[in-house]
N, C-alpha and C. Protein backbone atom coordinates (compact mmCIF):
# COMPACT_ATOMS: atom_id res chain seq x y z
N MET A 1 97.76 145.87 91.05
CA MET A 1 99.19 146.35 90.69
C MET A 1 100.76 145.95 90.67
N LYS A 2 100.61 144.58 91.42
CA LYS A 2 101.56 143.72 91.62
C LYS A 2 101.93 143.22 90.19
N LEU A 3 101.58 143.37 89.03
CA LEU A 3 101.16 142.68 87.59
C LEU A 3 101.66 143.98 87.02
N TRP A 4 101.26 144.93 87.31
CA TRP A 4 101.52 146.31 86.85
C TRP A 4 102.75 146.53 86.99
N VAL A 5 103.35 146.59 88.20
CA VAL A 5 105.06 146.89 88.98
C VAL A 5 105.87 145.87 87.63
N LYS A 6 105.67 144.16 88.16
CA LYS A 6 106.47 143.66 87.28
C LYS A 6 106.73 143.77 86.00
N GLU A 7 105.67 144.33 85.51
CA GLU A 7 106.07 144.59 83.73
C GLU A 7 106.88 145.53 83.31
N HIS A 8 106.85 146.90 84.47
CA HIS A 8 106.81 148.27 83.72
C HIS A 8 107.92 148.86 84.52
N LEU A 9 108.83 147.80 86.19
CA LEU A 9 109.78 148.47 86.06
C LEU A 9 110.51 147.65 86.35
N SER A 10 112.02 147.74 85.93
CA SER A 10 113.39 147.65 85.89
C SER A 10 113.52 147.45 87.41
N ARG A 11 114.48 146.19 87.28
CA ARG A 11 115.21 145.54 88.34
C ARG A 11 115.54 146.87 89.48
N ASN A 12 116.29 148.16 89.01
CA ASN A 12 116.75 148.82 89.68
C ASN A 12 115.60 149.32 90.05
N GLN A 13 114.71 149.76 89.61
CA GLN A 13 113.53 150.49 89.90
C GLN A 13 112.65 149.83 91.53
N LYS A 14 112.69 148.36 90.80
CA LYS A 14 111.88 147.38 92.03
C LYS A 14 112.93 148.22 93.15
N ASN A 15 114.32 147.81 93.21
CA ASN A 15 115.06 147.85 94.23
C ASN A 15 114.73 148.87 95.10
N LYS A 16 115.23 149.86 94.42
CA LYS A 16 114.46 151.34 95.14
C LYS A 16 113.26 151.73 95.76
N ILE A 17 112.34 151.05 95.67
CA ILE A 17 110.91 151.13 95.72
C ILE A 17 110.66 150.15 97.54
N LEU A 18 111.79 149.37 97.63
CA LEU A 18 111.78 148.15 98.30
C LEU A 18 112.63 148.58 99.42
N ILE A 19 113.28 149.66 98.89
CA ILE A 19 114.42 150.51 99.90
C ILE A 19 113.46 151.53 100.26
N ILE A 20 112.24 152.04 99.86
CA ILE A 20 111.70 153.16 100.71
C ILE A 20 110.31 152.52 101.18
N LEU A 21 110.41 151.24 100.82
CA LEU A 21 109.24 151.22 101.94
C LEU A 21 109.70 150.12 103.23
N TYR A 22 111.36 149.52 102.86
CA TYR A 22 111.71 149.65 104.66
C TYR A 22 112.38 150.34 105.75
N SER A 23 112.62 151.49 104.46
CA SER A 23 113.34 152.55 105.08
C SER A 23 113.00 153.47 106.85
N PRO A 24 111.17 153.14 107.08
CA PRO A 24 110.62 152.64 108.64
C PRO A 24 111.40 151.47 109.84
N TYR A 25 112.18 150.99 108.73
CA TYR A 25 112.61 150.59 110.33
C TYR A 25 114.37 151.21 110.30
N TRP A 26 114.63 151.72 109.94
CA TRP A 26 116.32 151.65 109.46
C TRP A 26 116.10 151.81 110.92
N ILE A 27 115.95 152.81 112.19
CA ILE A 27 116.41 153.60 113.37
C ILE A 27 116.01 152.21 113.94
N ARG A 28 114.89 151.01 114.32
CA ARG A 28 114.59 150.34 114.93
C ARG A 28 116.71 149.24 114.26
N ASP A 29 116.60 149.10 113.36
CA ASP A 29 117.91 148.30 112.56
C ASP A 29 119.07 148.53 113.37
N ILE A 30 119.50 149.65 113.11
CA ILE A 30 120.17 150.60 113.78
C ILE A 30 120.68 150.34 115.31
N LEU A 31 118.93 150.89 116.03
CA LEU A 31 119.31 150.57 117.17
C LEU A 31 119.86 149.91 117.83
N PHE A 32 119.34 148.62 116.87
CA PHE A 32 119.32 147.13 117.34
C PHE A 32 120.90 146.50 117.32
N CYS A 33 121.29 146.72 116.26
CA CYS A 33 122.95 146.97 115.27
C CYS A 33 123.22 147.00 116.91
N TRP A 34 123.53 148.19 117.05
CA TRP A 34 124.24 149.29 117.94
C TRP A 34 125.01 148.13 119.07
N LEU A 35 123.28 148.45 119.68
CA LEU A 35 122.99 147.12 121.34
C LEU A 35 123.81 146.29 121.24
N LYS A 36 123.36 145.27 119.90
CA LYS A 36 123.87 144.10 119.94
C LYS A 36 125.46 143.96 119.52
N GLY A 37 125.88 145.02 119.63
CA GLY A 37 127.29 144.86 118.80
C GLY A 37 128.10 144.78 117.31
N LEU A 38 127.05 145.44 116.24
CA LEU A 38 127.02 144.93 114.61
C LEU A 38 127.22 145.65 114.29
N SER A 39 127.66 145.65 113.34
CA SER A 39 128.41 147.52 112.51
C SER A 39 127.09 147.36 111.62
N TRP A 40 126.09 148.48 111.88
CA TRP A 40 124.77 148.20 110.64
C TRP A 40 125.14 148.48 109.09
N ASN A 41 124.10 147.78 108.47
CA ASN A 41 124.29 147.69 107.40
C ASN A 41 122.98 148.81 106.34
N SER A 42 123.23 149.36 105.41
CA SER A 42 121.78 149.90 105.06
C SER A 42 121.34 148.97 104.20
N SER A 43 122.06 148.09 103.27
CA SER A 43 121.91 146.75 102.62
C SER A 43 121.02 145.52 103.27
N TRP A 44 121.36 145.70 104.96
CA TRP A 44 120.05 144.23 105.58
C TRP A 44 118.48 144.63 105.21
N ARG A 45 118.20 143.46 105.97
CA ARG A 45 116.62 143.18 106.12
C ARG A 45 116.54 142.67 106.89
N PHE A 46 116.02 143.02 107.97
CA PHE A 46 115.00 141.76 109.18
C PHE A 46 113.54 141.93 108.76
N ASN A 47 113.50 140.63 109.10
CA ASN A 47 111.72 140.23 108.60
C ASN A 47 111.33 139.63 110.56
N ARG A 48 111.19 140.64 111.21
CA ARG A 48 111.38 141.05 112.63
C ARG A 48 113.10 140.76 113.52
N LEU A 49 113.31 140.96 114.68
CA LEU A 49 114.49 141.02 114.83
C LEU A 49 115.03 139.67 115.41
N PRO A 50 116.16 138.87 114.96
CA PRO A 50 116.77 137.88 115.18
C PRO A 50 117.26 138.22 116.74
N ILE A 51 117.61 137.10 117.61
CA ILE A 51 118.60 137.27 118.36
C ILE A 51 120.11 136.98 118.59
N ILE A 52 120.67 137.98 119.08
CA ILE A 52 122.08 137.70 118.83
C ILE A 52 122.73 138.04 119.83
N HIS A 53 124.16 137.38 120.29
CA HIS A 53 124.59 137.26 121.16
C HIS A 53 125.90 137.19 120.89
N ILE A 54 127.33 138.09 121.25
CA ILE A 54 128.41 138.51 121.08
C ILE A 54 128.92 138.36 122.15
N THR A 55 130.20 136.94 122.35
CA THR A 55 130.71 137.53 123.65
C THR A 55 132.23 137.84 123.42
N THR A 56 132.87 138.41 124.35
CA THR A 56 133.97 139.15 124.95
C THR A 56 134.49 139.03 123.70
N ARG A 57 135.31 139.55 123.24
CA ARG A 57 136.27 139.53 121.91
C ARG A 57 135.65 138.34 120.98
N GLY A 58 134.40 137.93 120.71
CA GLY A 58 133.97 137.33 119.63
C GLY A 58 133.52 138.31 119.15
N SER A 59 132.97 138.07 117.72
CA SER A 59 132.54 138.83 116.59
C SER A 59 131.74 138.07 115.29
N ILE A 60 130.80 138.70 115.26
CA ILE A 60 129.60 138.42 114.27
C ILE A 60 130.03 139.56 113.22
N ARG A 61 130.42 139.06 111.65
CA ARG A 61 130.86 140.35 110.30
C ARG A 61 129.46 139.58 109.01
N ILE A 62 129.06 140.36 108.69
CA ILE A 62 128.07 139.96 108.37
C ILE A 62 128.28 141.13 106.91
N GLY A 63 128.12 140.71 105.61
CA GLY A 63 128.60 141.12 104.28
C GLY A 63 126.73 141.88 104.00
N GLU A 64 126.88 142.24 102.47
CA GLU A 64 125.65 143.12 101.87
C GLU A 64 124.79 142.37 101.98
N ASN A 65 123.31 143.06 102.06
CA ASN A 65 122.71 142.25 101.43
C ASN A 65 121.83 141.30 101.69
N PHE A 66 121.94 141.25 103.33
CA PHE A 66 121.84 140.03 104.47
C PHE A 66 120.03 140.38 104.12
N ILE A 67 119.67 138.95 104.30
CA ILE A 67 118.38 138.82 104.35
C ILE A 67 118.43 138.13 106.05
N CYS A 68 117.60 138.40 106.94
CA CYS A 68 117.63 137.76 107.39
C CYS A 68 115.57 137.30 108.34
N THR A 69 115.10 136.45 107.91
CA THR A 69 113.70 136.75 108.47
C THR A 69 113.11 135.21 109.68
N SER A 70 112.92 135.88 111.05
CA SER A 70 111.94 135.33 112.09
C SER A 70 110.39 135.23 111.92
N SER A 71 110.24 136.17 110.52
CA SER A 71 109.26 135.85 111.05
C SER A 71 107.97 134.83 110.62
N PRO A 72 107.09 134.23 110.19
CA PRO A 72 106.67 132.96 109.88
C PRO A 72 105.80 133.54 108.38
N TRP A 73 105.58 134.83 108.01
CA TRP A 73 104.81 135.64 107.32
C TRP A 73 106.02 135.61 106.02
N HIS A 74 106.66 135.43 106.22
CA HIS A 74 108.49 136.02 105.65
C HIS A 74 109.08 134.84 104.28
N ASN A 75 108.26 133.39 105.34
CA ASN A 75 108.77 132.09 104.56
C ASN A 75 108.33 131.38 104.59
N SER A 76 107.87 130.85 103.04
CA SER A 76 107.33 130.13 102.63
C SER A 76 106.17 128.82 103.41
N ILE A 77 107.34 128.32 104.17
CA ILE A 77 107.02 126.88 105.12
C ILE A 77 107.26 127.98 106.60
N GLY A 78 107.10 128.89 106.62
CA GLY A 78 107.23 129.34 108.01
C GLY A 78 108.67 129.12 109.11
N VAL A 79 108.96 129.89 109.80
CA VAL A 79 109.45 129.01 110.92
C VAL A 79 109.18 129.54 112.55
N ASN A 80 110.07 128.65 113.02
CA ASN A 80 109.51 127.66 114.43
C ASN A 80 109.98 128.90 115.36
N GLN A 81 111.15 129.35 115.07
CA GLN A 81 111.61 130.03 116.16
C GLN A 81 112.61 131.41 115.24
N LYS A 82 112.84 132.14 116.10
CA LYS A 82 113.79 133.85 115.43
C LYS A 82 115.13 132.94 115.16
N VAL A 83 115.86 133.29 113.81
CA VAL A 83 117.18 133.96 113.81
C VAL A 83 117.96 133.39 115.10
N ILE A 84 119.14 132.85 115.03
CA ILE A 84 119.84 133.12 116.43
C ILE A 84 121.39 133.25 115.92
N LEU A 85 122.49 133.85 115.96
CA LEU A 85 123.22 134.22 115.59
C LEU A 85 124.21 134.00 117.14
N LYS A 86 124.81 133.32 117.46
CA LYS A 86 125.49 133.39 118.50
C LYS A 86 127.20 132.62 118.20
N THR A 87 128.33 133.64 119.43
CA THR A 87 129.21 133.10 119.21
C THR A 87 129.61 133.09 121.67
N LEU A 88 129.85 131.63 121.62
CA LEU A 88 129.91 131.05 123.02
C LEU A 88 131.37 131.46 123.86
N LYS A 89 132.67 131.03 122.90
CA LYS A 89 133.80 131.67 123.65
C LYS A 89 134.19 132.77 122.82
N THR A 90 135.70 133.61 124.23
CA THR A 90 136.02 134.45 123.59
C THR A 90 137.03 133.81 122.12
N ASP A 91 137.23 135.42 121.57
CA ASP A 91 137.40 134.53 119.98
C ASP A 91 136.57 134.62 118.82
N SER A 92 135.60 133.72 119.22
CA SER A 92 134.68 132.80 118.84
C SER A 92 134.14 133.87 117.48
N THR A 93 134.18 133.09 116.19
CA THR A 93 134.02 133.90 114.94
C THR A 93 132.52 133.82 114.20
N ILE A 94 131.71 134.55 113.58
CA ILE A 94 130.84 134.32 112.92
C ILE A 94 130.81 134.77 111.34
N ASN A 95 131.39 134.42 109.83
CA ASN A 95 131.57 135.38 108.91
C ASN A 95 130.30 134.72 108.28
N ILE A 96 129.45 135.87 107.50
CA ILE A 96 128.90 135.56 106.93
C ILE A 96 128.93 136.25 105.45
N GLY A 97 128.99 136.13 103.97
CA GLY A 97 129.00 136.60 102.82
C GLY A 97 128.02 137.54 102.54
N ASP A 98 128.25 137.72 101.23
CA ASP A 98 127.40 138.88 100.98
C ASP A 98 126.63 137.91 100.59
N ASP A 99 124.91 138.98 99.84
CA ASP A 99 123.58 138.45 99.27
C ASP A 99 123.56 136.44 100.07
N VAL A 100 123.52 136.60 101.78
CA VAL A 100 123.26 135.53 102.16
C VAL A 100 121.84 136.10 102.94
N GLY A 101 120.44 134.59 102.34
CA GLY A 101 119.59 134.41 102.97
C GLY A 101 119.19 133.49 104.69
N ILE A 102 118.77 133.78 105.70
CA ILE A 102 118.94 132.77 106.83
C ILE A 102 117.32 132.95 107.35
N SER A 103 116.66 131.96 107.40
CA SER A 103 115.45 132.02 108.00
C SER A 103 115.31 130.98 109.08
N GLY A 104 115.30 131.63 110.29
CA GLY A 104 114.50 130.70 112.04
C GLY A 104 115.30 129.98 111.75
N CYS A 105 116.99 129.79 111.86
CA CYS A 105 117.71 128.76 112.00
C CYS A 105 119.11 129.27 113.21
N THR A 106 119.24 129.04 113.79
CA THR A 106 120.25 128.84 115.17
C THR A 106 121.66 128.30 114.25
N ILE A 107 122.92 129.43 114.36
CA ILE A 107 123.94 129.50 113.79
C ILE A 107 125.16 129.89 115.42
N SER A 108 125.30 128.47 115.56
CA SER A 108 126.26 128.60 117.35
C SER A 108 128.00 128.48 116.94
N ALA A 109 128.69 129.44 117.61
CA ALA A 109 130.24 129.35 117.07
C ALA A 109 131.12 129.28 118.38
N ALA A 110 131.52 128.02 118.54
CA ALA A 110 132.63 128.25 120.11
C ALA A 110 133.95 128.67 119.25
N LYS A 111 134.22 128.55 117.73
CA LYS A 111 135.34 128.90 117.55
C LYS A 111 135.06 129.52 116.43
N SER A 112 134.96 128.63 115.13
CA SER A 112 134.03 129.48 113.93
C SER A 112 133.57 128.74 112.60
N ILE A 113 132.45 129.65 112.29
CA ILE A 113 131.79 129.44 111.13
C ILE A 113 132.09 130.59 109.93
N THR A 114 132.14 130.24 109.19
CA THR A 114 131.87 130.91 108.01
C THR A 114 131.10 130.00 107.14
N VAL A 115 130.30 131.03 106.60
CA VAL A 115 129.49 131.18 105.59
C VAL A 115 129.30 132.14 104.20
N GLY A 116 129.67 131.58 102.97
CA GLY A 116 130.36 132.37 101.48
C GLY A 116 128.85 132.81 101.46
N ASP A 117 129.15 133.69 100.16
CA ASP A 117 128.18 134.65 99.28
C ASP A 117 127.56 134.18 98.74
N ARG A 118 126.23 134.59 98.62
CA ARG A 118 124.75 133.62 97.89
C ARG A 118 124.77 132.08 98.32
N VAL A 119 124.34 132.00 99.93
CA VAL A 119 123.87 131.02 100.83
C VAL A 119 122.71 131.55 100.47
N LEU A 120 122.46 130.48 100.95
CA LEU A 120 120.57 130.48 101.82
C LEU A 120 120.19 129.11 102.28
N ILE A 121 119.86 129.65 103.72
CA ILE A 121 120.01 128.72 104.99
C ILE A 121 118.44 128.69 105.18
N GLY A 122 117.94 127.59 104.83
CA GLY A 122 116.44 127.48 105.51
C GLY A 122 116.17 127.58 106.94
N SER A 123 114.49 127.37 106.47
CA SER A 123 113.72 127.50 108.17
C SER A 123 113.97 126.36 108.81
N GLY A 124 114.52 126.64 109.98
CA GLY A 124 114.89 125.54 111.09
C GLY A 124 116.32 124.84 111.48
N CYS A 125 116.83 125.57 110.66
CA CYS A 125 118.56 124.68 110.26
C CYS A 125 119.24 125.00 111.55
N LEU A 126 120.20 124.34 112.09
CA LEU A 126 121.61 124.45 112.53
C LEU A 126 122.81 123.83 112.41
N ILE A 127 123.75 125.25 113.01
CA ILE A 127 124.77 125.01 112.65
C ILE A 127 126.04 125.15 113.29
N THR A 128 126.49 124.32 114.11
CA THR A 128 127.34 124.75 115.02
C THR A 128 128.47 123.32 114.84
N ASP A 129 129.81 124.76 115.17
CA ASP A 129 131.20 123.51 115.23
C ASP A 129 131.75 123.30 116.86
N SER A 130 130.28 122.90 117.41
CA SER A 130 131.18 121.83 118.39
C SER A 130 130.01 121.09 119.17
N ASP A 131 130.33 120.34 120.20
CA ASP A 131 129.32 118.61 120.51
C ASP A 131 128.24 119.32 121.80
N ALA A 132 128.58 121.05 122.25
CA ALA A 132 128.20 121.64 123.00
C ALA A 132 128.48 120.45 124.56
N HIS A 133 128.40 119.87 124.90
CA HIS A 133 128.94 119.02 126.02
C HIS A 133 129.31 117.93 125.61
N PRO A 134 130.35 117.01 126.57
CA PRO A 134 131.45 116.20 126.24
C PRO A 134 130.82 114.74 126.30
N ILE A 135 130.86 113.82 125.04
CA ILE A 135 130.72 112.93 125.03
C ILE A 135 130.80 111.75 126.34
N LEU A 136 132.05 111.42 126.64
CA LEU A 136 132.41 110.62 127.94
C LEU A 136 131.28 111.06 129.36
N VAL A 137 130.15 110.58 129.69
CA VAL A 137 129.90 110.64 130.92
C VAL A 137 130.38 111.23 132.09
N LYS A 138 131.54 111.23 132.06
CA LYS A 138 132.74 111.09 133.34
C LYS A 138 133.42 112.57 132.90
N HIS A 139 133.01 113.31 131.56
CA HIS A 139 133.58 114.38 131.84
C HIS A 139 132.18 115.27 130.70
N ARG A 140 131.59 115.04 131.10
CA ARG A 140 129.60 115.44 130.53
C ARG A 140 129.67 117.75 131.31
N ASN A 141 129.83 117.46 132.48
CA ASN A 141 130.12 118.55 133.09
C ASN A 141 131.81 119.46 132.97
N ASN A 142 132.43 118.81 132.33
CA ASN A 142 133.75 119.42 132.28
C ASN A 142 134.12 120.03 130.46
N VAL A 143 133.60 121.83 130.46
CA VAL A 143 133.48 122.68 128.90
C VAL A 143 135.07 122.18 128.72
N THR A 144 136.09 121.93 129.29
CA THR A 144 137.46 121.77 128.66
C THR A 144 137.41 120.70 127.45
N LYS A 145 136.75 119.65 127.78
CA LYS A 145 136.55 118.41 127.17
C LYS A 145 135.17 118.77 125.70
N ILE A 146 134.87 119.71 125.53
CA ILE A 146 134.22 119.27 124.61
C ILE A 146 134.76 119.74 123.34
N LYS A 147 134.55 119.18 121.97
CA LYS A 147 135.06 118.83 120.88
C LYS A 147 134.92 119.69 119.98
N ILE A 148 135.71 120.94 119.85
CA ILE A 148 135.12 122.01 118.54
C ILE A 148 135.69 121.65 117.48
N ASN A 149 135.26 122.28 116.47
CA ASN A 149 135.77 122.10 114.81
C ASN A 149 134.86 122.71 114.12
N PRO A 150 136.02 123.98 113.48
CA PRO A 150 135.49 124.92 112.58
C PRO A 150 134.14 124.85 111.51
N VAL A 151 133.25 125.16 110.84
CA VAL A 151 132.54 124.88 110.05
C VAL A 151 132.66 125.56 109.08
N VAL A 152 133.02 125.15 107.85
CA VAL A 152 132.83 126.59 106.56
C VAL A 152 131.42 125.71 105.30
N ILE A 153 131.16 126.60 104.97
CA ILE A 153 129.67 126.76 104.35
C ILE A 153 130.47 127.61 103.06
N GLU A 154 130.93 127.17 101.52
CA GLU A 154 131.60 128.03 100.68
C GLU A 154 130.58 128.53 100.05
N ASP A 155 130.51 129.14 99.06
CA ASP A 155 129.65 130.19 98.05
C ASP A 155 128.47 129.65 97.23
N ASP A 156 127.55 129.73 96.98
CA ASP A 156 126.58 129.25 96.49
C ASP A 156 125.67 127.76 96.68
N CYS A 157 125.61 128.18 98.44
CA CYS A 157 124.81 127.02 98.84
C CYS A 157 123.82 127.39 99.16
N PHE A 158 122.98 125.92 99.18
CA PHE A 158 121.33 126.03 99.87
C PHE A 158 121.40 124.45 101.04
N ILE A 159 120.99 125.88 101.72
CA ILE A 159 121.17 124.00 103.26
C ILE A 159 119.54 123.76 103.12
N GLY A 160 118.61 122.86 103.37
CA GLY A 160 117.48 122.58 102.87
C GLY A 160 116.98 122.48 104.37
N ALA A 161 115.70 123.06 104.32
CA ALA A 161 115.06 123.33 106.15
C ALA A 161 115.00 121.94 106.77
N ARG A 162 115.00 122.86 107.88
CA ARG A 162 115.40 121.74 108.84
C ARG A 162 116.26 120.67 109.11
N SER A 163 117.96 121.12 108.24
CA SER A 163 119.05 120.38 108.16
C SER A 163 119.69 120.91 109.51
N ILE A 164 120.56 120.19 109.93
CA ILE A 164 122.16 120.16 110.72
C ILE A 164 123.63 119.93 110.27
N ILE A 165 123.78 121.14 110.12
CA ILE A 165 125.34 121.18 110.20
C ILE A 165 126.26 121.38 110.99
N LEU A 166 127.30 119.59 111.44
CA LEU A 166 128.05 119.58 112.85
C LEU A 166 129.52 119.71 112.46
N LYS A 167 130.48 119.80 113.11
CA LYS A 167 131.58 120.51 113.60
C LYS A 167 132.76 119.84 113.16
N GLY A 168 133.34 120.64 112.10
CA GLY A 168 134.37 120.28 111.07
C GLY A 168 134.16 120.13 109.80
N VAL A 169 132.84 119.88 109.37
CA VAL A 169 132.23 119.77 108.75
C VAL A 169 132.31 121.09 107.19
N ARG A 170 132.56 121.00 106.25
CA ARG A 170 133.29 122.36 104.78
C ARG A 170 131.82 121.59 104.05
N ILE A 171 131.03 122.40 103.29
CA ILE A 171 130.29 122.00 102.13
C ILE A 171 130.55 123.25 100.58
N GLY A 172 131.51 122.19 100.04
CA GLY A 172 132.08 122.56 98.85
C GLY A 172 130.83 123.93 97.86
N ALA A 173 131.42 125.05 97.45
CA ALA A 173 130.39 125.44 96.83
C ALA A 173 129.58 124.69 95.72
N GLY A 174 128.16 125.42 95.91
CA GLY A 174 127.68 125.23 94.91
C GLY A 174 126.43 123.80 95.35
N SER A 175 126.63 123.30 96.36
CA SER A 175 126.59 122.27 97.02
C SER A 175 125.26 122.56 97.31
N VAL A 176 124.21 121.57 96.94
CA VAL A 176 122.70 121.72 97.73
C VAL A 176 122.59 120.14 98.82
N VAL A 177 121.95 120.66 100.43
CA VAL A 177 121.58 119.85 101.64
C VAL A 177 120.62 119.61 101.81
N GLY A 178 119.69 118.49 101.31
CA GLY A 178 119.01 118.15 101.24
C GLY A 178 117.95 118.31 102.44
N ALA A 179 116.36 118.32 102.78
CA ALA A 179 115.79 119.02 103.73
C ALA A 179 116.05 118.37 104.69
N GLY A 180 115.86 118.24 106.11
CA GLY A 180 116.27 117.27 107.28
C GLY A 180 116.92 116.71 107.68
N SER A 181 118.51 116.50 106.63
CA SER A 181 120.14 116.22 106.61
C SER A 181 120.44 116.58 108.01
N VAL A 182 121.52 115.21 108.02
CA VAL A 182 121.79 115.38 108.71
C VAL A 182 123.96 115.67 108.29
N VAL A 183 124.56 116.62 108.36
CA VAL A 183 125.69 116.56 108.08
C VAL A 183 126.93 116.38 108.78
N ALA A 184 126.92 115.29 108.88
CA ALA A 184 128.21 114.94 109.76
C ALA A 184 130.33 115.04 109.10
N SER A 185 129.83 115.26 107.72
CA SER A 185 131.05 114.77 107.10
C SER A 185 131.47 115.86 105.82
N ASP A 186 132.42 115.89 105.04
CA ASP A 186 132.60 117.14 104.10
C ASP A 186 131.84 116.83 102.96
N VAL A 187 130.92 117.89 102.43
CA VAL A 187 130.26 117.82 101.43
C VAL A 187 131.21 118.44 99.85
N PRO A 188 131.82 117.52 98.57
CA PRO A 188 132.54 118.20 97.57
C PRO A 188 131.54 119.23 97.18
N LYS A 189 132.13 120.27 96.54
CA LYS A 189 131.15 121.30 95.94
C LYS A 189 130.29 120.75 95.00
N GLY A 190 129.17 121.21 94.73
CA GLY A 190 128.74 120.96 92.56
C GLY A 190 127.62 119.57 93.16
N VAL A 191 127.45 119.36 94.61
CA VAL A 191 126.49 117.89 93.96
C VAL A 191 125.38 118.04 95.19
N VAL A 192 124.40 116.77 95.26
CA VAL A 192 123.48 117.27 96.47
C VAL A 192 123.62 115.91 97.46
N VAL A 193 123.37 116.78 98.85
CA VAL A 193 123.57 115.64 99.51
C VAL A 193 122.12 115.52 100.62
N ALA A 194 121.75 114.17 101.00
CA ALA A 194 120.77 114.15 101.70
C ALA A 194 120.88 113.17 102.99
N GLY A 195 120.01 113.23 103.62
CA GLY A 195 120.02 111.97 104.83
C GLY A 195 120.77 111.88 105.46
N ASN A 196 120.40 110.84 106.94
CA ASN A 196 120.94 110.89 108.53
C ASN A 196 121.39 109.90 108.32
N PRO A 197 122.86 109.62 108.42
CA PRO A 197 123.67 110.67 107.97
C PRO A 197 123.55 111.17 106.74
N ALA A 198 124.21 112.70 106.47
CA ALA A 198 124.01 113.15 104.82
C ALA A 198 124.84 112.10 103.98
N ARG A 199 124.26 112.00 102.55
CA ARG A 199 124.60 110.74 101.54
C ARG A 199 124.51 111.59 100.46
N LEU A 200 125.44 111.51 99.37
CA LEU A 200 125.33 111.99 98.06
C LEU A 200 124.56 111.68 97.13
N LEU A 201 123.64 112.24 96.32
CA LEU A 201 122.70 111.73 95.68
C LEU A 201 122.93 112.07 94.37
N LYS A 202 123.66 112.98 93.89
CA LYS A 202 123.60 113.32 92.50
C LYS A 202 124.60 114.38 92.43
N GLU A 203 125.94 115.08 91.19
CA GLU A 203 126.60 116.15 90.63
C GLU A 203 125.06 116.74 90.12
N LEU A 204 125.18 118.09 89.81
CA LEU A 204 125.07 118.94 89.71
C LEU A 204 125.73 119.46 88.48
């Protein structure tokens, strides 16, 4: 049956079938988004519901054709957690572009995290724009001393599974971050980086 569908139906016809198959979940998704303060879009697909937390005057904006996978059955290597999208402070924002796919990852914004169009974020990734706690012991419990710096992931990037993107990082358009990398500094466009800390491996 799958082979017949693949050979005989156009991409548009396949998309219509997928919409019909997913439609029973729309009521669930509409209610979930309403409760979480998101503006639901019929092009979104939640493979199990994520964890969403939006602070007062914080915002999460998501574009068209968003695929959010919190189910191990819908990811080739599985997921260890649900997708988590969190704004941490007043006026903090998460902006996600069109045609973005994320699996079992955490995006945590104290100020601003921007994800461009057609970005793929692999299972178990962490993207954060803050240190979560001050580094110095004497300031450890002083939240005003936490260092915060926005993160930008430009269009067409691929962030490999289990990678960590730290505060202040900009990843250039079309770049690839190898699995398990820790990215602590800017990545130019159109390159592959990997390692801890992530280093340039090659240009694409």
